[in-house]
Amino acid sequence: MQARKRKRRWVIAAAVGAALLALGLVLFKPWLLFVDVRVDEQLRTIATSAGQAPPSPSASSNPPSGTITNVPEVPIQLAEGSLISHEHATT
């Protein structure tokens, strides 16, 4: 009779411990310390001074002061790369 009560107490204690562990994992999500969910980086920009355009590599001479030439109105893609999926899909 004592052995049954002791075993029952251990089973109840193990179930309560497992439930507390699961609740702690759900609430605190410790795996997020090691996994990036979203990457939000700024676009690289070229610094300009006093409204002048950055020098272009194909320009042979400097434009007159205050003249802006060949300034794109949309962001320029500076680099391109590919992502490698290992354990999970990467996009």
PDB file of N, CA and C in Angstrom:
ATOM      1  N   MET A   1       0.817  -1.185   0.000  1.00  0.00           N
ATOM      2  CA  MET A   1       0.000   0.000   0.000  1.00  0.00           C
ATOM      3  C   MET A   1       0.865   1.256   0.000  1.00  0.00           C
ATOM      4  N   GLN A   2       1.920   1.260   0.805  1.00  0.00           N
ATOM      5  CA  GLN A   2       2.830   2.407   0.851  1.00  0.00           C
ATOM      6  C   GLN A   2       3.554   2.595  -0.479  1.00  0.00           C
ATOM      7  N   ALA A   3       3.899   1.531  -1.139  1.00  0.00           N
ATOM      8  CA  ALA A   3       4.613   1.610  -2.413  1.00  0.00           C
ATOM      9  C   ALA A   3       3.735   2.255  -3.488  1.00  0.00           C
ATOM     10  N   ARG A   4       2.442   1.958  -3.477  1.00  0.00           N
ATOM     11  CA  ARG A   4       1.526   2.548  -4.442  1.00  0.00           C
ATOM     12  C   ARG A   4       1.406   4.053  -4.225  1.00  0.00           C
ATOM     13  N   LYS A   5       1.286   4.472  -2.983  1.00  0.00           N
ATOM     14  CA  LYS A   5       1.174   5.899  -2.676  1.00  0.00           C
ATOM     15  C   LYS A   5       2.448   6.635  -3.075  1.00  0.00           C
ATOM     16  N   ARG A   6       3.580   6.000  -2.779  1.00  0.00           N
ATOM     17  CA  ARG A   6       4.869   6.616  -3.121  1.00  0.00           C
ATOM     18  C   ARG A   6       5.014   6.745  -4.639  1.00  0.00           C
ATOM     19  N   LYS A   7       4.638   5.703  -5.351  1.00  0.00           N
ATOM     20  CA  LYS A   7       4.728   5.735  -6.808  1.00  0.00           C
ATOM     21  C   LYS A   7       3.777   6.789  -7.376  1.00  0.00           C
ATOM     22  N   ARG A   8       2.584   6.845  -6.805  1.00  0.00           N
ATOM     23  CA  ARG A   8       1.600   7.820  -7.276  1.00  0.00           C
ATOM     24  C   ARG A   8       2.103   9.242  -7.044  1.00  0.00           C
ATOM     25  N   ARG A   9       2.733   9.507  -5.922  1.00  0.00           N
ATOM     26  CA  ARG A   9       3.296  10.830  -5.631  1.00  0.00           C
ATOM     27  C   ARG A   9       4.374  11.193  -6.652  1.00  0.00           C
ATOM     28  N   TRP A  10       5.219  10.238  -7.007  1.00  0.00           N
ATOM     29  CA  TRP A  10       6.278  10.488  -7.988  1.00  0.00           C
ATOM     30  C   TRP A  10       5.684  10.793  -9.355  1.00  0.00           C
ATOM     31  N   VAL A  11       4.652  10.091  -9.735  1.00  0.00           N
ATOM     32  CA  VAL A  11       4.014  10.317 -11.030  1.00  0.00           C
ATOM     33  C   VAL A  11       3.379  11.711 -11.058  1.00  0.00           C
ATOM     34  N   ILE A  12       2.696  12.070  -9.975  1.00  0.00           N
ATOM     35  CA  ILE A  12       2.080  13.401  -9.905  1.00  0.00           C
ATOM     36  C   ILE A  12       3.150  14.484  -9.925  1.00  0.00           C
ATOM     37  N   ALA A  13       4.227  14.297  -9.166  1.00  0.00           N
ATOM     38  CA  ALA A  13       5.314  15.287  -9.132  1.00  0.00           C
ATOM     39  C   ALA A  13       5.966  15.430 -10.505  1.00  0.00           C
ATOM     40  N   ALA A  14       6.153  14.322 -11.206  1.00  0.00           N
ATOM     41  CA  ALA A  14       6.752  14.371 -12.547  1.00  0.00           C
ATOM     42  C   ALA A  14       5.821  15.081 -13.519  1.00  0.00           C
ATOM     43  N   ALA A  15       4.528  14.835 -13.430  1.00  0.00           N
ATOM     44  CA  ALA A  15       3.564  15.489 -14.324  1.00  0.00           C
ATOM     45  C   ALA A  15       3.513  16.992 -14.055  1.00  0.00           C
ATOM     46  N   VAL A  16       3.512  17.390 -12.794  1.00  0.00           N
ATOM     47  CA  VAL A  16       3.501  18.811 -12.452  1.00  0.00           C
ATOM     48  C   VAL A  16       4.799  19.467 -12.921  1.00  0.00           C
ATOM     49  N   GLY A  17       5.933  18.800 -12.731  1.00  0.00           N
ATOM     50  CA  GLY A  17       7.225  19.327 -13.181  1.00  0.00           C
ATOM     51  C   GLY A  17       7.268  19.494 -14.695  1.00  0.00           C
ATOM     52  N   ALA A  18       6.752  18.506 -15.414  1.00  0.00           N
ATOM     53  CA  ALA A  18       6.723  18.601 -16.876  1.00  0.00           C
ATOM     54  C   ALA A  18       5.814  19.739 -17.340  1.00  0.00           C
ATOM     55  N   ALA A  19       4.678  19.911 -16.674  1.00  0.00           N
ATOM     56  CA  ALA A  19       3.765  20.989 -17.034  1.00  0.00           C
ATOM     57  C   ALA A  19       4.404  22.345 -16.763  1.00  0.00           C
ATOM     58  N   LEU A  20       5.102  22.497 -15.643  1.00  0.00           N
ATOM     59  CA  LEU A  20       5.781  23.758 -15.326  1.00  0.00           C
ATOM     60  C   LEU A  20       6.904  24.043 -16.321  1.00  0.00           C
ATOM     61  N   LEU A  21       7.646  23.014 -16.709  1.00  0.00           N
ATOM     62  CA  LEU A  21       8.711  23.187 -17.698  1.00  0.00           C
ATOM     63  C   LEU A  21       8.129  23.624 -19.045  1.00  0.00           C
ATOM     64  N   ALA A  22       7.050  22.993 -19.464  1.00  0.00           N
ATOM     65  CA  ALA A  22       6.416  23.364 -20.736  1.00  0.00           C
ATOM     66  C   ALA A  22       5.890  24.794 -20.674  1.00  0.00           C
ATOM     67  N   LEU A  23       5.275  25.177 -19.560  1.00  0.00           N
ATOM     68  CA  LEU A  23       4.766  26.530 -19.403  1.00  0.00           C
ATOM     69  C   LEU A  23       5.910  27.544 -19.438  1.00  0.00           C
ATOM     70  N   GLY A  24       7.007  27.238 -18.774  1.00  0.00           N
ATOM     71  CA  GLY A  24       8.168  28.131 -18.786  1.00  0.00           C
ATOM     72  C   GLY A  24       8.745  28.298 -20.180  1.00  0.00           C
ATOM     73  N   LEU A  25       8.817  27.220 -20.941  1.00  0.00           N
ATOM     74  CA  LEU A  25       9.337  27.306 -22.306  1.00  0.00           C
ATOM     75  C   LEU A  25       8.420  28.130 -23.199  1.00  0.00           C
ATOM     76  N   VAL A  26       7.116  27.959 -23.043  1.00  0.00           N
ATOM     77  CA  VAL A  26       6.167  28.711 -23.862  1.00  0.00           C
ATOM     78  C   VAL A  26       6.211  30.198 -23.526  1.00  0.00           C
ATOM     79  N   LEU A  27       6.314  30.527 -22.244  1.00  0.00           N
ATOM     80  CA  LEU A  27       6.296  31.933 -21.834  1.00  0.00           C
ATOM     81  C   LEU A  27       7.596  32.669 -22.154  1.00  0.00           C
ATOM     82  N   PHE A  28       8.741  32.041 -21.928  1.00  0.00           N
ATOM     83  CA  PHE A  28      10.016  32.740 -22.048  1.00  0.00           C
ATOM     84  C   PHE A  28      10.733  32.517 -23.372  1.00  0.00           C
ATOM     85  N   LYS A  29      10.389  31.489 -24.121  1.00  0.00           N
ATOM     86  CA  LYS A  29      10.957  31.193 -25.440  1.00  0.00           C
ATOM     87  C   LYS A  29      12.484  31.373 -25.466  1.00  0.00           C
ATOM     88  N   PRO A  30      13.217  30.573 -24.727  1.00  0.00           N
ATOM     89  CA  PRO A  30      14.670  30.769 -24.658  1.00  0.00           C
ATOM     90  C   PRO A  30      15.394  30.523 -25.978  1.00  0.00           C
ATOM     91  N   TRP A  31      14.804  29.802 -26.910  1.00  0.00           N
ATOM     92  CA  TRP A  31      15.460  29.553 -28.193  1.00  0.00           C
ATOM     93  C   TRP A  31      15.592  30.822 -29.025  1.00  0.00           C
ATOM     94  N   LEU A  32      14.789  31.841 -28.715  1.00  0.00           N
ATOM     95  CA  LEU A  32      14.893  33.093 -29.468  1.00  0.00           C
ATOM     96  C   LEU A  32      16.181  33.846 -29.148  1.00  0.00           C
ATOM     97  N   LEU A  33      16.911  33.441 -28.118  1.00  0.00           N
ATOM     98  CA  LEU A  33      18.224  34.026 -27.845  1.00  0.00           C
ATOM     99  C   LEU A  33      19.232  33.650 -28.920  1.00  0.00           C
ATOM    100  N   PHE A  34      18.982  32.554 -29.616  1.00  0.00           N
ATOM    101  CA  PHE A  34      19.940  32.032 -30.584  1.00  0.00           C
ATOM    102  C   PHE A  34      19.447  32.089 -32.026  1.00  0.00           C
ATOM    103  N   VAL A  35      18.202  32.498 -32.264  1.00  0.00           N
ATOM    104  CA  VAL A  35      17.618  32.483 -33.591  1.00  0.00           C
ATOM    105  C   VAL A  35      17.120  33.886 -33.931  1.00  0.00           C
ATOM    106  N   ASP A  36      17.486  34.385 -35.117  1.00  0.00           N
ATOM    107  CA  ASP A  36      16.966  35.660 -35.600  1.00  0.00           C
ATOM    108  C   ASP A  36      15.693  35.381 -36.383  1.00  0.00           C
ATOM    109  N   VAL A  37      14.603  36.001 -35.976  1.00  0.00           N
ATOM    110  CA  VAL A  37      13.344  35.811 -36.662  1.00  0.00           C
ATOM    111  C   VAL A  37      13.246  36.766 -37.845  1.00  0.00           C
ATOM    112  N   ARG A  38      13.717  37.994 -37.659  1.00  0.00           N
ATOM    113  CA  ARG A  38      13.636  38.995 -38.721  1.00  0.00           C
ATOM    114  C   ARG A  38      14.923  39.820 -38.724  1.00  0.00           C
ATOM    115  N   VAL A  39      15.426  40.085 -39.887  1.00  0.00           N
ATOM    116  CA  VAL A  39      16.609  40.929 -40.040  1.00  0.00           C
ATOM    117  C   VAL A  39      16.146  42.226 -40.681  1.00  0.00           C
ATOM    118  N   ASP A  40      16.412  43.336 -40.022  1.00  0.00           N
ATOM    119  CA  ASP A  40      15.977  44.636 -40.513  1.00  0.00           C
ATOM    120  C   ASP A  40      17.197  45.544 -40.560  1.00  0.00           C
ATOM    121  N   GLU A  41      17.821  45.641 -41.725  1.00  0.00           N
ATOM    122  CA  GLU A  41      19.030  46.435 -41.880  1.00  0.00           C
ATOM    123  C   GLU A  41      18.756  47.653 -42.750  1.00  0.00           C
ATOM    124  N   GLN A  42      19.476  48.712 -42.491  1.00  0.00           N
ATOM    125  CA  GLN A  42      19.349  49.928 -43.272  1.00  0.00           C
ATOM    126  C   GLN A  42      20.053  49.752 -44.617  1.00  0.00           C
ATOM    127  N   LEU A  43      19.537  50.431 -45.650  1.00  0.00           N
ATOM    128  CA  LEU A  43      20.206  50.443 -46.941  1.00  0.00           C
ATOM    129  C   LEU A  43      21.473  51.270 -46.842  1.00  0.00           C
ATOM    130  N   ARG A  44      22.499  50.844 -47.530  1.00  0.00           N
ATOM    131  CA  ARG A  44      23.732  51.627 -47.561  1.00  0.00           C
ATOM    132  C   ARG A  44      23.507  52.871 -48.406  1.00  0.00           C
ATOM    133  N   THR A  45      24.030  53.988 -47.942  1.00  0.00           N
ATOM    134  CA  THR A  45      23.905  55.231 -48.697  1.00  0.00           C
ATOM    135  C   THR A  45      25.273  55.839 -48.884  1.00  0.00           C
ATOM    136  N   ILE A  46      25.395  56.683 -49.887  1.00  0.00           N
ATOM    137  CA  ILE A  46      26.646  57.383 -50.149  1.00  0.00           C
ATOM    138  C   ILE A  46      26.514  58.770 -49.564  1.00  0.00           C
ATOM    139  N   ALA A  47      27.461  59.145 -48.726  1.00  0.00           N
ATOM    140  CA  ALA A  47      27.402  60.460 -48.090  1.00  0.00           C
ATOM    141  C   ALA A  47      27.722  61.544 -49.102  1.00  0.00           C
ATOM    142  N   THR A  48      26.915  62.585 -49.083  1.00  0.00           N
ATOM    143  CA  THR A  48      27.156  63.735 -49.950  1.00  0.00           C
ATOM    144  C   THR A  48      27.267  64.971 -49.081  1.00  0.00           C
ATOM    145  N   SER A  49      27.897  65.978 -49.620  1.00  0.00           N
ATOM    146  CA  SER A  49      28.052  67.213 -48.844  1.00  0.00           C
ATOM    147  C   SER A  49      27.366  68.365 -49.552  1.00  0.00           C
ATOM    148  N   ALA A  50      26.571  69.100 -48.842  1.00  0.00           N
ATOM    149  CA  ALA A  50      25.911  70.337 -49.314  1.00  0.00           C
ATOM    150  C   ALA A  50      25.120  70.136 -50.599  1.00  0.00           C
ATOM    151  N   GLY A  51      24.397  69.017 -50.706  1.00  0.00           N
ATOM    152  CA  GLY A  51      23.511  68.815 -51.844  1.00  0.00           C
ATOM    153  C   GLY A  51      24.204  68.436 -53.132  1.00  0.00           C
ATOM    154  N   GLN A  52      25.490  68.138 -53.103  1.00  0.00           N
ATOM    155  CA  GLN A  52      26.187  67.743 -54.324  1.00  0.00           C
ATOM    156  C   GLN A  52      26.031  66.250 -54.528  1.00  0.00           C
ATOM    157  N   ALA A  53      26.013  65.856 -55.778  1.00  0.00           N
ATOM    158  CA  ALA A  53      25.891  64.441 -56.106  1.00  0.00           C
ATOM    159  C   ALA A  53      27.221  63.738 -55.849  1.00  0.00           C
ATOM    160  N   PRO A  54      27.180  62.456 -55.515  1.00  0.00           N
ATOM    161  CA  PRO A  54      28.420  61.706 -55.367  1.00  0.00           C
ATOM    162  C   PRO A  54      29.121  61.591 -56.708  1.00  0.00           C
ATOM    163  N   PRO A  55      30.439  61.554 -56.696  1.00  0.00           N
ATOM    164  CA  PRO A  55      31.161  61.453 -57.969  1.00  0.00           C
ATOM    165  C   PRO A  55      30.891  60.110 -58.636  1.00  0.00           C
ATOM    166  N   SER A  56      30.676  60.155 -59.931  1.00  0.00           N
ATOM    167  CA  SER A  56      30.467  58.911 -60.659  1.00  0.00           C
ATOM    168  C   SER A  56      31.799  58.441 -61.224  1.00  0.00           C
ATOM    169  N   PRO A  57      31.996  57.125 -61.300  1.00  0.00           N
ATOM    170  CA  PRO A  57      33.279  56.619 -61.792  1.00  0.00           C
ATOM    171  C   PRO A  57      33.525  56.922 -63.260  1.00  0.00           C
ATOM    172  N   SER A  58      32.475  57.152 -64.050  1.00  0.00           N
ATOM    173  CA  SER A  58      32.660  57.399 -65.479  1.00  0.00           C
ATOM    174  C   SER A  58      32.823  58.887 -65.805  1.00  0.00           C
ATOM    175  N   ALA A  59      32.635  59.751 -64.828  1.00  0.00           N
ATOM    176  CA  ALA A  59      32.754  61.192 -65.093  1.00  0.00           C
ATOM    177  C   ALA A  59      34.221  61.574 -65.228  1.00  0.00           C
ATOM    178  N   SER A  60      34.529  62.263 -66.341  1.00  0.00           N
ATOM    179  CA  SER A  60      35.921  62.654 -66.568  1.00  0.00           C
ATOM    180  C   SER A  60      36.224  64.023 -65.979  1.00  0.00           C
ATOM    181  N   SER A  61      35.198  64.840 -65.787  1.00  0.00           N
ATOM    182  CA  SER A  61      35.425  66.164 -65.213  1.00  0.00           C
ATOM    183  C   SER A  61      34.366  66.442 -64.170  1.00  0.00           C
ATOM    184  N   ASN A  62      34.646  67.369 -63.283  1.00  0.00           N
ATOM    185  CA  ASN A  62      33.704  67.723 -62.236  1.00  0.00           C
ATOM    186  C   ASN A  62      32.660  68.681 -62.781  1.00  0.00           C
ATOM    187  N   PRO A  63      31.376  68.475 -62.458  1.00  0.00           N
ATOM    188  CA  PRO A  63      30.348  69.411 -62.914  1.00  0.00           C
ATOM    189  C   PRO A  63      30.477  70.720 -62.141  1.00  0.00           C
ATOM    190  N   PRO A  64      29.920  71.783 -62.666  1.00  0.00           N
ATOM    191  CA  PRO A  64      29.976  73.062 -61.960  1.00  0.00           C
ATOM    192  C   PRO A  64      29.343  72.949 -60.576  1.00  0.00           C
ATOM    193  N   SER A  65      29.769  73.781 -59.672  1.00  0.00           N
ATOM    194  CA  SER A  65      29.282  73.757 -58.301  1.00  0.00           C
ATOM    195  C   SER A  65      27.781  73.967 -58.268  1.00  0.00           C
ATOM    196  N   GLY A  66      27.082  73.159 -57.470  1.00  0.00           N
ATOM    197  CA  GLY A  66      25.643  73.284 -57.334  1.00  0.00           C
ATOM    198  C   GLY A  66      24.861  72.507 -58.364  1.00  0.00           C
ATOM    199  N   THR A  67      25.519  71.878 -59.333  1.00  0.00           N
ATOM    200  CA  THR A  67      24.837  71.112 -60.364  1.00  0.00           C
ATOM    201  C   THR A  67      24.801  69.644 -59.949  1.00  0.00           C
ATOM    202  N   ILE A  68      23.628  69.057 -59.987  1.00  0.00           N
ATOM    203  CA  ILE A  68      23.478  67.647 -59.644  1.00  0.00           C
ATOM    204  C   ILE A  68      23.155  66.902 -60.924  1.00  0.00           C
ATOM    205  N   THR A  69      23.967  65.907 -61.227  1.00  0.00           N
ATOM    206  CA  THR A  69      23.758  65.134 -62.443  1.00  0.00           C
ATOM    207  C   THR A  69      23.692  63.656 -62.114  1.00  0.00           C
ATOM    208  N   ASN A  70      22.907  62.932 -62.861  1.00  0.00           N
ATOM    209  CA  ASN A  70      22.800  61.474 -62.764  1.00  0.00           C
ATOM    210  C   ASN A  70      22.480  60.978 -61.354  1.00  0.00           C
ATOM    211  N   VAL A  71      21.580  61.668 -60.675  1.00  0.00           N
ATOM    212  CA  VAL A  71      21.176  61.209 -59.351  1.00  0.00           C
ATOM    213  C   VAL A  71      19.932  60.355 -59.517  1.00  0.00           C
ATOM    214  N   PRO A  72      20.018  59.074 -59.185  1.00  0.00           N
ATOM    215  CA  PRO A  72      18.847  58.210 -59.348  1.00  0.00           C
ATOM    216  C   PRO A  72      17.776  58.565 -58.319  1.00  0.00           C
ATOM    217  N   GLU A  73      16.516  58.374 -58.708  1.00  0.00           N
ATOM    218  CA  GLU A  73      15.403  58.666 -57.815  1.00  0.00           C
ATOM    219  C   GLU A  73      14.959  57.433 -57.041  1.00  0.00           C
ATOM    220  N   VAL A  74      15.541  56.296 -57.332  1.00  0.00           N
ATOM    221  CA  VAL A  74      15.206  55.058 -56.632  1.00  0.00           C
ATOM    222  C   VAL A  74      16.477  54.496 -56.001  1.00  0.00           C
ATOM    223  N   PRO A  75      16.361  53.664 -54.986  1.00  0.00           N
ATOM    224  CA  PRO A  75      17.563  53.060 -54.390  1.00  0.00           C
ATOM    225  C   PRO A  75      18.341  52.222 -55.403  1.00  0.00           C
ATOM    226  N   ILE A  76      19.633  52.242 -55.285  1.00  0.00           N
ATOM    227  CA  ILE A  76      20.510  51.471 -56.164  1.00  0.00           C
ATOM    228  C   ILE A  76      20.923  50.205 -55.437  1.00  0.00           C
ATOM    229  N   GLN A  77      20.870  49.082 -56.123  1.00  0.00           N
ATOM    230  CA  GLN A  77      21.312  47.829 -55.534  1.00  0.00           C
ATOM    231  C   GLN A  77      22.835  47.801 -55.557  1.00  0.00           C
ATOM    232  N   LEU A  78      23.442  47.748 -54.374  1.00  0.00           N
ATOM    233  CA  LEU A  78      24.892  47.785 -54.282  1.00  0.00           C
ATOM    234  C   LEU A  78      25.519  46.400 -54.257  1.00  0.00           C
ATOM    235  N   ALA A  79      24.778  45.410 -53.774  1.00  0.00           N
ATOM    236  CA  ALA A  79      25.323  44.061 -53.678  1.00  0.00           C
ATOM    237  C   ALA A  79      24.196  43.051 -53.813  1.00  0.00           C
ATOM    238  N   GLU A  80      24.565  41.834 -54.130  1.00  0.00           N
ATOM    239  CA  GLU A  80      23.598  40.760 -54.269  1.00  0.00           C
ATOM    240  C   GLU A  80      24.232  39.497 -53.725  1.00  0.00           C
ATOM    241  N   GLY A  81      23.441  38.665 -53.128  1.00  0.00           N
ATOM    242  CA  GLY A  81      23.955  37.414 -52.591  1.00  0.00           C
ATOM    243  C   GLY A  81      22.856  36.373 -52.544  1.00  0.00           C
ATOM    244  N   SER A  82      23.216  35.198 -52.128  1.00  0.00           N
ATOM    245  CA  SER A  82      22.225  34.130 -52.006  1.00  0.00           C
ATOM    246  C   SER A  82      22.247  33.593 -50.586  1.00  0.00           C
ATOM    247  N   LEU A  83      21.113  33.074 -50.156  1.00  0.00           N
ATOM    248  CA  LEU A  83      20.980  32.502 -48.827  1.00  0.00           C
ATOM    249  C   LEU A  83      21.100  30.991 -48.917  1.00  0.00           C
ATOM    250  N   ILE A  84      21.674  30.399 -47.911  1.00  0.00           N
ATOM    251  CA  ILE A  84      21.846  28.958 -47.875  1.00  0.00           C
ATOM    252  C   ILE A  84      20.920  28.397 -46.803  1.00  0.00           C
ATOM    253  N   SER A  85      20.053  27.468 -47.179  1.00  0.00           N
ATOM    254  CA  SER A  85      19.163  26.824 -46.211  1.00  0.00           C
ATOM    255  C   SER A  85      19.869  25.598 -45.649  1.00  0.00           C
ATOM    256  N   HIS A  86      19.864  25.496 -44.338  1.00  0.00           N
ATOM    257  CA  HIS A  86      20.432  24.315 -43.695  1.00  0.00           C
ATOM    258  C   HIS A  86      19.306  23.495 -43.068  1.00  0.00           C
ATOM    259  N   GLU A  87      18.974  23.775 -41.824  1.00  0.00           N
ATOM    260  CA  GLU A  87      17.939  23.005 -41.146  1.00  0.00           C
ATOM    261  C   GLU A  87      16.541  23.454 -41.489  1.00  0.00           C
ATOM    262  N   HIS A  88      16.384  24.762 -41.791  1.00  0.00           N
ATOM    263  CA  HIS A  88      15.066  25.316 -42.069  1.00  0.00           C
ATOM    264  C   HIS A  88      15.119  26.117 -43.367  1.00  0.00           C
ATOM    265  N   ALA A  89      13.955  26.327 -43.959  1.00  0.00           N
ATOM    266  CA  ALA A  89      13.886  27.107 -45.188  1.00  0.00           C
ATOM    267  C   ALA A  89      14.292  28.566 -44.919  1.00  0.00           C
ATOM    268  N   THR A  90      15.075  29.129 -45.815  1.00  0.00           N
ATOM    269  CA  THR A  90      15.559  30.494 -45.665  1.00  0.00           C
ATOM    270  C   THR A  90      15.064  31.320 -46.839  1.00  0.00           C
ATOM    271  N   THR A  91      14.479  32.497 -46.518  1.00  0.00           N
ATOM    272  CA  THR A  91      14.010  33.388 -47.582  1.00  0.00           C
ATOM    273  C   THR A  91      14.508  34.777 -47.313  1.00  0.00           C
TER     274      THR A  91
END
